[in-house]
C-alpha atoms as a PDB file:
ATOM      1  CA  UNK A   1      59.644  95.167 110.340  1.00  0.00           C
ATOM      2  CA  UNK A   2      62.232  94.030 112.867  1.00  0.00           C
ATOM      3  CA  UNK A   3      65.907  93.538 112.157  1.00  0.00           C
ATOM      4  CA  UNK A   4      65.586  89.754 112.014  1.00  0.00           C
ATOM      5  CA  UNK A   5      62.969  90.018 109.270  1.00  0.00           C
ATOM      6  CA  UNK A   6      65.151  92.437 107.332  1.00  0.00           C
ATOM      7  CA  UNK A   7      68.294  90.388 107.737  1.00  0.00           C
ATOM      8  CA  UNK A   8      71.567  91.639 109.124  1.00  0.00           C
ATOM      9  CA  UNK A   9      73.530  94.530 107.701  1.00  0.00           C
ATOM     10  CA  UNK A  10      77.051  93.185 107.199  1.00  0.00           C
ATOM     11  CA  UNK A  11      79.904  95.433 106.106  1.00  0.00           C
ATOM     12  CA  UNK A  12      82.697  93.732 104.165  1.00  0.00           C
ATOM     13  CA  UNK A  13      85.916  95.760 104.088  1.00  0.00           C
ATOM     14  CA  UNK A  14      88.518  94.953 101.431  1.00  0.00           C
ATOM     15  CA  UNK A  15      91.235  96.655  99.414  1.00  0.00           C
ATOM     16  CA  UNK A  16      93.448  95.629  96.527  1.00  0.00           C
ATOM     17  CA  UNK A  17      93.065  93.848  93.210  1.00  0.00           C
ATOM     18  CA  UNK A  18      90.228  91.773  91.778  1.00  0.00           C
ATOM     19  CA  UNK A  19      91.756  88.877  93.689  1.00  0.00           C
ATOM     20  CA  UNK A  20      91.030  90.777  96.889  1.00  0.00           C
ATOM     21  CA  UNK A  21      87.530  91.725  95.771  1.00  0.00           C
ATOM     22  CA  UNK A  22      86.033  88.678  94.065  1.00  0.00           C
ATOM     23  CA  UNK A  23      86.007  86.336  97.098  1.00  0.00           C
ATOM     24  CA  UNK A  24      84.074  88.931  99.080  1.00  0.00           C
ATOM     25  CA  UNK A  25      81.650  89.497  96.235  1.00  0.00           C
ATOM     26  CA  UNK A  26      80.901  85.774  96.433  1.00  0.00           C
ATOM     27  CA  UNK A  27      80.374  86.045 100.193  1.00  0.00           C
ATOM     28  CA  UNK A  28      78.163  89.109  99.753  1.00  0.00           C
ATOM     29  CA  UNK A  29      76.010  87.424  97.109  1.00  0.00           C
ATOM     30  CA  UNK A  30      75.456  84.423  99.347  1.00  0.00           C
ATOM     31  CA  UNK A  31      74.632  86.653 102.313  1.00  0.00           C
ATOM     32  CA  UNK A  32      72.104  88.500 100.161  1.00  0.00           C
ATOM     33  CA  UNK A  33      70.608  85.204  98.995  1.00  0.00           C
ATOM     34  CA  UNK A  34      70.071  84.322 102.639  1.00  0.00           C
ATOM     35  CA  UNK A  35      68.209  87.554 103.269  1.00  0.00           C
ATOM     36  CA  UNK A  36      70.962  89.740 104.694  1.00  0.00           C
ATOM     37  CA  UNK A  37      72.082  93.199 103.557  1.00  0.00           C
ATOM     38  CA  UNK A  38      75.778  93.092 102.699  1.00  0.00           C
ATOM     39  CA  UNK A  39      77.745  96.246 101.966  1.00  0.00           C
ATOM     40  CA  UNK A  40      81.163  96.095 100.324  1.00  0.00           C
ATOM     41  CA  UNK A  41      83.369  98.880 101.661  1.00  0.00           C
ATOM     42  CA  UNK A  42      86.160  99.451  99.185  1.00  0.00           C
ATOM     43  CA  UNK A  43      87.620 101.840  96.642  1.00  0.00           C
ATOM     44  CA  UNK A  44      85.276 103.737  94.327  1.00  0.00           C
ATOM     45  CA  UNK A  45      86.962 102.101  91.323  1.00  0.00           C
ATOM     46  CA  UNK A  46      84.972  98.927  91.874  1.00  0.00           C
ATOM     47  CA  UNK A  47      81.502 100.486  92.046  1.00  0.00           C
ATOM     48  CA  UNK A  48      80.732  99.628  88.422  1.00  0.00           C
ATOM     49  CA  UNK A  49      81.643  96.007  89.145  1.00  0.00           C
ATOM     50  CA  UNK A  50      79.757  95.679  92.433  1.00  0.00           C
ATOM     51  CA  UNK A  51      76.487  97.530  91.914  1.00  0.00           C
ATOM     52  CA  UNK A  52      75.370  95.725  88.705  1.00  0.00           C
ATOM     53  CA  UNK A  53      75.331  92.564  90.832  1.00  0.00           C
ATOM     54  CA  UNK A  54      72.707  94.132  93.069  1.00  0.00           C
ATOM     55  CA  UNK A  55      75.175  94.799  95.877  1.00  0.00           C
ATOM     56  CA  UNK A  56      75.788  98.031  97.751  1.00  0.00           C
ATOM     57  CA  UNK A  57      79.221  99.669  97.703  1.00  0.00           C
ATOM     58  CA  UNK A  58      80.371 102.153 100.316  1.00  0.00           C
ATOM     59  CA  UNK A  59      83.296 104.227  99.090  1.00  0.00           C
ATOM     60  CA  UNK A  60      86.447 103.993 101.172  1.00  0.00           C
ATOM     61  CA  UNK A  61      89.407 106.154 100.264  1.00  0.00           C
ATOM     62  CA  UNK A  62      91.988 106.266  98.787  1.00  0.00           C
ATOM     63  CA  UNK A  63      90.563 106.430  95.296  1.00  0.00           C
ATOM     64  CA  UNK A  64      92.535 104.529  92.697  1.00  0.00           C
ATOM     65  CA  UNK A  65      92.832 105.739  89.070  1.00  0.00           C
ATOM     66  CA  UNK A  66      89.642 105.008  87.165  1.00  0.00           C
ATOM     67  CA  UNK A  67      89.206 102.945  84.029  1.00  0.00           C
ATOM     68  CA  UNK A  68      88.911 106.281  82.199  1.00  0.00           C
ATOM     69  CA  UNK A  69      92.573 106.876  83.096  1.00  0.00           C
ATOM     70  CA  UNK A  70      94.173 103.724  81.648  1.00  0.00           C
ATOM     71  CA  UNK A  71      97.729 105.060  81.670  1.00  0.00           C
ATOM     72  CA  UNK A  72      97.576 106.031  85.347  1.00  0.00           C
ATOM     73  CA  UNK A  73      95.843 102.785  86.258  1.00  0.00           C
ATOM     74  CA  UNK A  74      98.402 100.685  84.383  1.00  0.00           C
ATOM     75  CA  UNK A  75     101.295 102.556  85.998  1.00  0.00           C
ATOM     76  CA  UNK A  76      99.822 102.004  89.446  1.00  0.00           C
ATOM     77  CA  UNK A  77      99.278  98.294  88.814  1.00  0.00           C
ATOM     78  CA  UNK A  78     102.798  97.847  87.469  1.00  0.00           C
ATOM     79  CA  UNK A  79     104.257  99.555  90.527  1.00  0.00           C
ATOM     80  CA  UNK A  80     102.536  97.244  93.015  1.00  0.00           C
ATOM     81  CA  UNK A  81     103.022  93.938  91.181  1.00  0.00           C
ATOM     82  CA  UNK A  82     106.774  94.365  90.900  1.00  0.00           C
ATOM     83  CA  UNK A  83     108.239  91.254  92.509  1.00  0.00           C
ATOM     84  CA  UNK A  84     110.911  93.057  94.500  1.00  0.00           C
ATOM     85  CA  UNK A  85     109.401  96.434  95.347  1.00  0.00           C
ATOM     86  CA  UNK A  86     105.653  95.933  94.886  1.00  0.00           C
ATOM     87  CA  UNK A  87     104.593  95.087  98.456  1.00  0.00           C
ATOM     88  CA  UNK A  88     106.497  98.014  99.948  1.00  0.00           C
ATOM     89  CA  UNK A  89     105.171 100.375  97.274  1.00  0.00           C
ATOM     90  CA  UNK A  90     101.620  99.217  97.971  1.00  0.00           C
ATOM     91  CA  UNK A  91     101.996  99.938 101.668  1.00  0.00           C
ATOM     92  CA  UNK A  92     103.931 103.199 101.429  1.00  0.00           C
ATOM     93  CA  UNK A  93     101.982 104.876  98.630  1.00  0.00           C
ATOM     94  CA  UNK A  94      98.474 103.405  98.497  1.00  0.00           C
ATOM     95  CA  UNK A  95      97.553 102.337 102.015  1.00  0.00           C
ATOM     96  CA  UNK A  96      99.528 103.687 104.956  1.00  0.00           C
ATOM     97  CA  UNK A  97      99.378 107.423 104.067  1.00  0.00           C
ATOM     98  CA  UNK A  98      95.559 107.248 104.094  1.00  0.00           C
ATOM     99  CA  UNK A  99      94.804 105.762 107.498  1.00  0.00           C
ATOM    100  CA  UNK A 100      92.691 108.705 108.676  1.00  0.00           C
ATOM    101  CA  UNK A 101      90.604 108.725 105.503  1.00  0.00           C
ATOM    102  CA  UNK A 102      90.138 104.964 105.576  1.00  0.00           C
ATOM    103  CA  UNK A 103      89.145 105.114 109.231  1.00  0.00           C
ATOM    104  CA  UNK A 104      86.596 107.890 108.662  1.00  0.00           C
ATOM    105  CA  UNK A 105      85.044 106.137 105.672  1.00  0.00           C
ATOM    106  CA  UNK A 106      84.893 102.685 107.235  1.00  0.00           C
ATOM    107  CA  UNK A 107      83.496 104.045 110.479  1.00  0.00           C
ATOM    108  CA  UNK A 108      80.734 105.729 108.483  1.00  0.00           C
ATOM    109  CA  UNK A 109      80.103 102.458 106.645  1.00  0.00           C
ATOM    110  CA  UNK A 110      79.499 100.475 109.854  1.00  0.00           C
ATOM    111  CA  UNK A 111      76.992 102.970 111.247  1.00  0.00           C
ATOM    112  CA  UNK A 112      73.924 100.887 112.046  1.00  0.00           C
ATOM    113  CA  UNK A 113      75.576  97.655 110.870  1.00  0.00           C
ATOM    114  CA  UNK A 114      75.504  94.343 112.723  1.00  0.00           C
ATOM    115  CA  UNK A 115      78.867  92.880 111.710  1.00  0.00           C
ATOM    116  CA  UNK A 116      82.182  93.915 110.182  1.00  0.00           C
ATOM    117  CA  UNK A 117      84.147  91.435 108.054  1.00  0.00           C
ATOM    118  CA  UNK A 118      87.664  92.541 107.111  1.00  0.00           C
ATOM    119  CA  UNK A 119      90.388  91.708 104.621  1.00  0.00           C
ATOM    120  CA  UNK A 120      93.965  92.000 106.016  1.00  0.00           C
ATOM    121  CA  UNK A 121      94.935  95.172 104.112  1.00  0.00           C
ATOM    122  CA  UNK A 122      92.476  97.706 105.588  1.00  0.00           C
ATOM    123  CA  UNK A 123      94.481  98.091 108.806  1.00  0.00           C
ATOM    124  CA  UNK A 124      91.778 100.367 110.192  1.00  0.00           C
ATOM    125  CA  UNK A 125      89.336  97.459 110.425  1.00  0.00           C
ATOM    126  CA  UNK A 126      90.378  96.390 113.934  1.00  0.00           C
ATOM    127  CA  UNK A 127      90.478 100.051 114.978  1.00  0.00           C
ATOM    128  CA  UNK A 128      86.907 100.657 113.830  1.00  0.00           C
ATOM    129  CA  UNK A 129      85.807  97.499 115.621  1.00  0.00           C
ATOM    130  CA  UNK A 130      87.496  98.568 118.856  1.00  0.00           C
ATOM    131  CA  UNK A 131      86.138 102.112 118.762  1.00  0.00           C
ATOM    132  CA  UNK A 132      82.558 101.236 117.809  1.00  0.00           C
ATOM    133  CA  UNK A 133      82.220  97.858 119.511  1.00  0.00           C
ATOM    134  CA  UNK A 134      80.734  96.306 116.377  1.00  0.00           C
ATOM    135  CA  UNK A 135      81.148  92.513 116.194  1.00  0.00           C
ATOM    136  CA  UNK A 136      84.146  91.853 113.974  1.00  0.00           C
ATOM    137  CA  UNK A 137      85.386  88.903 111.930  1.00  0.00           C
ATOM    138  CA  UNK A 138      88.841  89.032 110.348  1.00  0.00           C
ATOM    139  CA  UNK A 139      89.663  86.932 107.306  1.00  0.00           C
ATOM    140  CA  UNK A 140      92.639  86.052 105.138  1.00  0.00           C
ATOM    141  CA  UNK A 141      92.766  85.012 101.494  1.00  0.00           C
ATOM    142  CA  UNK A 142      96.374  83.896 101.109  1.00  0.00           C
ATOM    143  CA  UNK A 143      98.349  81.213 102.977  1.00  0.00           C
ATOM    144  CA  UNK A 144     101.150  83.735 103.431  1.00  0.00           C
ATOM    145  CA  UNK A 145      98.965  85.562 105.929  1.00  0.00           C
ATOM    146  CA  UNK A 146      99.315  82.665 108.354  1.00  0.00           C
ATOM    147  CA  UNK A 147     102.648  83.380 110.024  1.00  0.00           C
ATOM    148  CA  UNK A 148     103.348  79.832 111.139  1.00  0.00           C
ATOM    149  CA  UNK A 149     106.716  78.914 112.623  1.00  0.00           C
ATOM    150  CA  UNK A 150     106.280  75.438 111.148  1.00  0.00           C
ATOM    151  CA  UNK A 151     105.333  76.437 107.607  1.00  0.00           C
ATOM    152  CA  UNK A 152     106.399  80.073 107.220  1.00  0.00           C
ATOM    153  CA  UNK A 153     105.723  82.141 104.111  1.00  0.00           C
ATOM    154  CA  UNK A 154     108.632  82.750 101.765  1.00  0.00           C
ATOM    155  CA  UNK A 155     108.653  86.210 100.139  1.00  0.00           C
ATOM    156  CA  UNK A 156     109.217  86.084  96.363  1.00  0.00           C
ATOM    157  CA  UNK A 157     112.110  88.500  96.873  1.00  0.00           C
ATOM    158  CA  UNK A 158     113.991  85.930  98.989  1.00  0.00           C
ATOM    159  CA  UNK A 159     113.370  82.378  97.689  1.00  0.00           C
ATOM    160  CA  UNK A 160     116.514  80.954  99.384  1.00  0.00           C
ATOM    161  CA  UNK A 161     114.966  81.881 102.731  1.00  0.00           C
ATOM    162  CA  UNK A 162     113.066  78.595 102.645  1.00  0.00           C
ATOM    163  CA  UNK A 163     116.307  76.651 103.083  1.00  0.00           C
ATOM    164  CA  UNK A 164     116.893  78.467 106.362  1.00  0.00           C
ATOM    165  CA  UNK A 165     113.399  78.468 107.839  1.00  0.00           C
ATOM    166  CA  UNK A 166     112.825  74.820 106.914  1.00  0.00           C
ATOM    167  CA  UNK A 167     115.538  73.747 109.332  1.00  0.00           C
ATOM    168  CA  UNK A 168     113.575  74.361 112.521  1.00  0.00           C
ATOM    169  CA  UNK A 169     110.633  76.334 113.966  1.00  0.00           C
ATOM    170  CA  UNK A 170     113.123  78.234 116.127  1.00  0.00           C
ATOM    171  CA  UNK A 171     114.894  79.587 113.055  1.00  0.00           C
ATOM    172  CA  UNK A 172     111.556  80.488 111.499  1.00  0.00           C
ATOM    173  CA  UNK A 173     110.603  82.350 114.659  1.00  0.00           C
ATOM    174  CA  UNK A 174     113.887  84.283 114.584  1.00  0.00           C
ATOM    175  CA  UNK A 175     113.471  85.222 110.925  1.00  0.00           C
ATOM    176  CA  UNK A 176     109.930  86.487 111.489  1.00  0.00           C
ATOM    177  CA  UNK A 177     111.061  88.476 114.522  1.00  0.00           C
ATOM    178  CA  UNK A 178     113.740  90.155 112.415  1.00  0.00           C
ATOM    179  CA  UNK A 179     111.199  90.846 109.666  1.00  0.00           C
ATOM    180  CA  UNK A 180     108.832  92.477 112.144  1.00  0.00           C
ATOM    181  CA  UNK A 181     111.643  94.669 113.472  1.00  0.00           C
ATOM    182  CA  UNK A 182     112.578  95.624 109.910  1.00  0.00           C
ATOM    183  CA  UNK A 183     109.099  96.564 108.735  1.00  0.00           C
ATOM    184  CA  UNK A 184     107.500  97.841 111.939  1.00  0.00           C
ATOM    185  CA  UNK A 185     108.496 101.495 111.281  1.00  0.00           C
ATOM    186  CA  UNK A 186     106.422 101.428 108.097  1.00  0.00           C
ATOM    187  CA  UNK A 187     103.290 101.072 110.211  1.00  0.00           C
ATOM    188  CA  UNK A 188     103.800 104.251 112.226  1.00  0.00           C
ATOM    189  CA  UNK A 189     100.704 105.853 110.588  1.00  0.00           C
ATOM    190  CA  UNK A 190      98.598 103.026 112.030  1.00  0.00           C
ATOM    191  CA  UNK A 191     100.163 103.392 115.470  1.00  0.00           C
ATOM    192  CA  UNK A 192      99.685 107.172 115.368  1.00  0.00           C
ATOM    193  CA  UNK A 193      96.000 106.805 114.551  1.00  0.00           C
ATOM    194  CA  UNK A 194      95.543 104.318 117.368  1.00  0.00           C
ATOM    195  CA  UNK A 195      97.237 106.718 119.785  1.00  0.00           C
ATOM    196  CA  UNK A 196      94.993 109.602 118.665  1.00  0.00           C
ATOM    197  CA  UNK A 197      91.957 107.455 119.422  1.00  0.00           C
ATOM    198  CA  UNK A 198      93.252 106.424 122.838  1.00  0.00           C
ATOM    199  CA  UNK A 199      93.932 102.834 121.826  1.00  0.00           C
ATOM    200  CA  UNK A 200      97.017 100.795 122.734  1.00  0.00           C
ATOM    201  CA  UNK A 201      99.761 100.555 120.127  1.00  0.00           C
ATOM    202  CA  UNK A 202      99.166  96.906 119.256  1.00  0.00           C
ATOM    203  CA  UNK A 203      96.076  95.333 117.750  1.00  0.00           C
END
């Protein structure tokens, strides 16, 4: 049987909450209905949610606390949904320290695949695509991921920021430049991995 008859093997990489998982489950179910072979590459925690739907899950580290550890799971969730510190905690404790593991696991997941579809949080997605040459589609789920100078996102930590950025695209551009300068050091683990693999610093 040729690949066309079997359908395409499509790896869907995501990380985060149910809100980051459910849209891709819907995509995977539709791909399967059309005869393709979707694989959701995400944390082991979601295996019991994905596999009963007849979908394949490929484990990608880091592992989050399981449902058998409700206290640990609740503490983790509370730490990342905190309005002021949650986003930074998510990056510094759950994602960025595990770039090598995420890269190794996602690269294994795309072995023999035809397409990689990525959520914004697995920063290794573009790296895997560049190293392997697999066709790659990036996706976003939230309007805040579109860094428009004309309609910029407003972080919940700084609601008054809207009054400044709404004045002109030039001010929005300046604010986003300052934000990039402020947060860029957080992403050193990503840049280090890219350097190890002989890739340029940027995406």
